[in-house]
N, C-alpha and C. Protein backbone atom coordinates (compact mmCIF):
# COMPACT_ATOMS: atom_id res chain seq x y z
N MET A 1 -23.86 -12.88 25.75
CA MET A 1 -23.40 -14.21 26.10
C MET A 1 -21.87 -14.22 26.03
N ALA A 2 -21.27 -14.59 27.11
CA ALA A 2 -19.80 -14.62 27.16
C ALA A 2 -19.32 -16.03 26.82
N PHE A 3 -18.24 -16.05 26.08
CA PHE A 3 -17.63 -17.33 25.76
C PHE A 3 -16.72 -17.73 26.90
N SER A 4 -16.75 -19.00 27.25
CA SER A 4 -15.80 -19.47 28.25
C SER A 4 -14.52 -19.86 27.52
N ARG A 5 -13.43 -19.31 27.95
CA ARG A 5 -12.16 -19.55 27.28
C ARG A 5 -11.60 -20.89 27.74
N LYS A 6 -11.36 -21.75 26.78
CA LYS A 6 -10.76 -23.04 27.07
C LYS A 6 -9.26 -22.86 27.20
N PRO A 7 -8.61 -23.72 27.94
CA PRO A 7 -7.15 -23.63 27.99
C PRO A 7 -6.57 -23.87 26.61
N ALA A 8 -5.45 -23.26 26.35
CA ALA A 8 -4.83 -23.37 25.03
C ALA A 8 -4.59 -24.83 24.69
N LYS A 9 -4.90 -25.17 23.43
CA LYS A 9 -4.68 -26.55 22.98
C LYS A 9 -3.23 -26.95 23.13
N SER A 10 -2.39 -26.01 22.89
CA SER A 10 -0.96 -26.32 22.93
C SER A 10 -0.29 -25.44 23.97
N ALA A 11 -0.74 -25.59 25.20
CA ALA A 11 -0.20 -24.76 26.28
C ALA A 11 1.24 -25.15 26.61
N LYS A 12 1.73 -26.20 26.01
CA LYS A 12 3.08 -26.68 26.32
C LYS A 12 4.11 -26.14 25.34
N PHE A 13 3.95 -24.90 24.93
CA PHE A 13 4.94 -24.30 24.04
C PHE A 13 5.29 -22.92 24.55
N ASN A 14 6.46 -22.50 24.17
CA ASN A 14 6.94 -21.17 24.54
C ASN A 14 6.42 -20.19 23.50
N PRO A 15 5.78 -19.08 23.90
CA PRO A 15 5.28 -18.12 22.91
C PRO A 15 6.37 -17.59 21.99
N ASP A 16 7.61 -17.61 22.43
CA ASP A 16 8.70 -17.17 21.57
C ASP A 16 8.96 -18.14 20.42
N ASP A 17 8.41 -19.36 20.52
CA ASP A 17 8.58 -20.37 19.47
C ASP A 17 7.68 -20.12 18.27
N ILE A 18 6.70 -19.20 18.40
CA ILE A 18 5.83 -18.89 17.27
C ILE A 18 6.65 -18.14 16.24
N SER A 19 6.98 -18.84 15.17
CA SER A 19 7.79 -18.26 14.10
C SER A 19 7.42 -18.94 12.80
N PHE A 20 7.58 -18.23 11.70
CA PHE A 20 7.27 -18.83 10.40
C PHE A 20 8.24 -19.96 10.09
N LYS A 21 9.35 -20.03 10.79
CA LYS A 21 10.33 -21.09 10.57
C LYS A 21 9.96 -22.38 11.30
N ASN A 22 8.86 -22.36 12.04
CA ASN A 22 8.42 -23.51 12.81
C ASN A 22 7.03 -23.96 12.33
N PRO A 23 6.94 -24.53 11.12
CA PRO A 23 5.62 -24.86 10.57
C PRO A 23 4.88 -25.95 11.34
N GLU A 24 5.60 -26.83 12.01
CA GLU A 24 4.92 -27.88 12.78
C GLU A 24 4.09 -27.29 13.91
N LEU A 25 4.61 -26.27 14.57
CA LEU A 25 3.85 -25.60 15.62
C LEU A 25 2.68 -24.83 15.02
N LEU A 26 2.89 -24.17 13.92
CA LEU A 26 1.83 -23.37 13.30
C LEU A 26 0.68 -24.26 12.83
N LYS A 27 0.97 -25.47 12.36
CA LYS A 27 -0.07 -26.37 11.88
C LYS A 27 -1.04 -26.76 12.98
N ARG A 28 -0.61 -26.68 14.23
CA ARG A 28 -1.49 -27.03 15.34
C ARG A 28 -2.63 -26.02 15.49
N PHE A 29 -2.50 -24.85 14.88
CA PHE A 29 -3.50 -23.80 14.99
C PHE A 29 -4.30 -23.64 13.70
N LEU A 30 -4.21 -24.61 12.79
CA LEU A 30 -4.93 -24.57 11.53
C LEU A 30 -5.96 -25.69 11.48
N THR A 31 -7.04 -25.45 10.75
CA THR A 31 -8.03 -26.50 10.51
C THR A 31 -7.47 -27.42 9.43
N PRO A 32 -8.10 -28.56 9.20
CA PRO A 32 -7.64 -29.44 8.11
C PRO A 32 -7.68 -28.76 6.74
N GLU A 33 -8.56 -27.76 6.58
CA GLU A 33 -8.63 -27.03 5.32
C GLU A 33 -7.54 -25.98 5.20
N GLY A 34 -6.84 -25.69 6.29
CA GLY A 34 -5.76 -24.71 6.26
C GLY A 34 -6.15 -23.36 6.79
N LYS A 35 -7.35 -23.23 7.37
CA LYS A 35 -7.78 -21.96 7.92
C LYS A 35 -7.29 -21.82 9.36
N LEU A 36 -7.07 -20.58 9.77
CA LEU A 36 -6.65 -20.32 11.14
C LEU A 36 -7.82 -20.54 12.10
N LEU A 37 -7.54 -21.14 13.24
CA LEU A 37 -8.57 -21.28 14.26
C LEU A 37 -8.75 -19.95 14.98
N PRO A 38 -9.96 -19.63 15.42
CA PRO A 38 -10.18 -18.37 16.12
C PRO A 38 -9.54 -18.39 17.51
N GLY A 39 -9.30 -17.20 18.03
CA GLY A 39 -8.65 -17.06 19.32
C GLY A 39 -9.43 -17.71 20.45
N ARG A 40 -10.75 -17.67 20.37
CA ARG A 40 -11.55 -18.29 21.44
C ARG A 40 -11.40 -19.80 21.44
N ARG A 41 -10.99 -20.37 20.31
CA ARG A 41 -10.79 -21.81 20.20
C ARG A 41 -9.36 -22.20 20.59
N THR A 42 -8.39 -21.35 20.24
CA THR A 42 -7.00 -21.68 20.55
C THR A 42 -6.66 -21.36 21.99
N GLY A 43 -7.37 -20.40 22.59
CA GLY A 43 -7.07 -20.03 23.96
C GLY A 43 -5.91 -19.06 24.07
N LEU A 44 -5.42 -18.54 22.95
CA LEU A 44 -4.31 -17.60 22.98
C LEU A 44 -4.81 -16.21 23.32
N THR A 45 -3.92 -15.39 23.85
CA THR A 45 -4.27 -14.01 24.11
C THR A 45 -4.38 -13.29 22.76
N ALA A 46 -4.97 -12.10 22.77
CA ALA A 46 -5.13 -11.35 21.52
C ALA A 46 -3.77 -11.03 20.90
N LYS A 47 -2.82 -10.69 21.73
CA LYS A 47 -1.48 -10.36 21.23
C LYS A 47 -0.84 -11.57 20.56
N LEU A 48 -0.93 -12.74 21.20
CA LEU A 48 -0.34 -13.95 20.61
C LEU A 48 -1.11 -14.40 19.37
N GLN A 49 -2.43 -14.18 19.36
CA GLN A 49 -3.22 -14.55 18.18
C GLN A 49 -2.81 -13.69 16.98
N ARG A 50 -2.56 -12.41 17.21
CA ARG A 50 -2.09 -11.54 16.12
C ARG A 50 -0.72 -11.98 15.62
N LYS A 51 0.15 -12.35 16.56
CA LYS A 51 1.48 -12.82 16.17
C LYS A 51 1.36 -14.12 15.37
N LEU A 52 0.50 -15.02 15.82
CA LEU A 52 0.28 -16.28 15.12
C LEU A 52 -0.20 -16.02 13.69
N THR A 53 -1.17 -15.13 13.54
CA THR A 53 -1.70 -14.80 12.21
C THR A 53 -0.59 -14.27 11.31
N ARG A 54 0.21 -13.36 11.83
CA ARG A 54 1.30 -12.76 11.06
C ARG A 54 2.31 -13.83 10.62
N GLU A 55 2.65 -14.73 11.53
CA GLU A 55 3.65 -15.76 11.22
C GLU A 55 3.11 -16.81 10.25
N VAL A 56 1.82 -17.14 10.34
CA VAL A 56 1.23 -18.08 9.39
C VAL A 56 1.26 -17.48 7.99
N LYS A 57 0.93 -16.19 7.90
CA LYS A 57 0.97 -15.53 6.59
C LYS A 57 2.38 -15.51 6.02
N ARG A 58 3.37 -15.28 6.86
CA ARG A 58 4.76 -15.31 6.40
C ARG A 58 5.16 -16.71 5.94
N ALA A 59 4.76 -17.72 6.71
CA ALA A 59 5.10 -19.10 6.36
C ALA A 59 4.46 -19.50 5.04
N ARG A 60 3.25 -19.04 4.79
CA ARG A 60 2.60 -19.33 3.52
C ARG A 60 3.33 -18.64 2.37
N ALA A 61 3.76 -17.40 2.61
CA ALA A 61 4.42 -16.63 1.55
C ALA A 61 5.74 -17.26 1.12
N VAL A 62 6.49 -17.82 2.07
CA VAL A 62 7.78 -18.41 1.70
C VAL A 62 7.66 -19.90 1.36
N GLY A 63 6.46 -20.47 1.52
CA GLY A 63 6.24 -21.85 1.09
C GLY A 63 6.36 -22.91 2.16
N TYR A 64 6.46 -22.52 3.43
CA TYR A 64 6.53 -23.52 4.50
C TYR A 64 5.17 -24.13 4.81
N LEU A 65 4.11 -23.36 4.57
CA LEU A 65 2.74 -23.84 4.79
C LEU A 65 1.96 -23.70 3.49
N TYR A 66 0.95 -24.54 3.36
CA TYR A 66 0.06 -24.46 2.20
C TYR A 66 -0.94 -23.33 2.42
N PHE A 67 -1.43 -22.77 1.32
CA PHE A 67 -2.47 -21.76 1.42
C PHE A 67 -3.82 -22.40 1.70
N ARG A 68 -4.06 -23.52 1.02
CA ARG A 68 -5.32 -24.21 1.19
C ARG A 68 -5.09 -25.68 0.90
N ASN A 69 -5.65 -26.53 1.73
CA ASN A 69 -5.50 -27.97 1.53
C ASN A 69 -6.60 -28.45 0.59
N GLN A 70 -6.23 -28.94 -0.55
CA GLN A 70 -7.21 -29.41 -1.53
C GLN A 70 -7.82 -30.75 -1.15
N ASP A 71 -7.15 -31.52 -0.29
CA ASP A 71 -7.63 -32.86 0.07
C ASP A 71 -8.78 -32.83 1.05
N ALA A 72 -8.86 -31.80 1.88
CA ALA A 72 -9.86 -31.78 2.94
C ALA A 72 -11.22 -31.39 2.42
């Protein structure tokens, strides 16, 4: 069974903007609990999904993003 790829939720951004210094953009790819959304849900290519994962981990390490949202 093949998944149909939905258009990216945030197709209105430049892939070069994916950076740990841009937490507002990164939050668009997280669930309310703080988990990363899967690539089939975000619509990103595999390369961009890997970059997103790397940058979210960096943002968490320096404190720009939370590791886990306790409120959700």
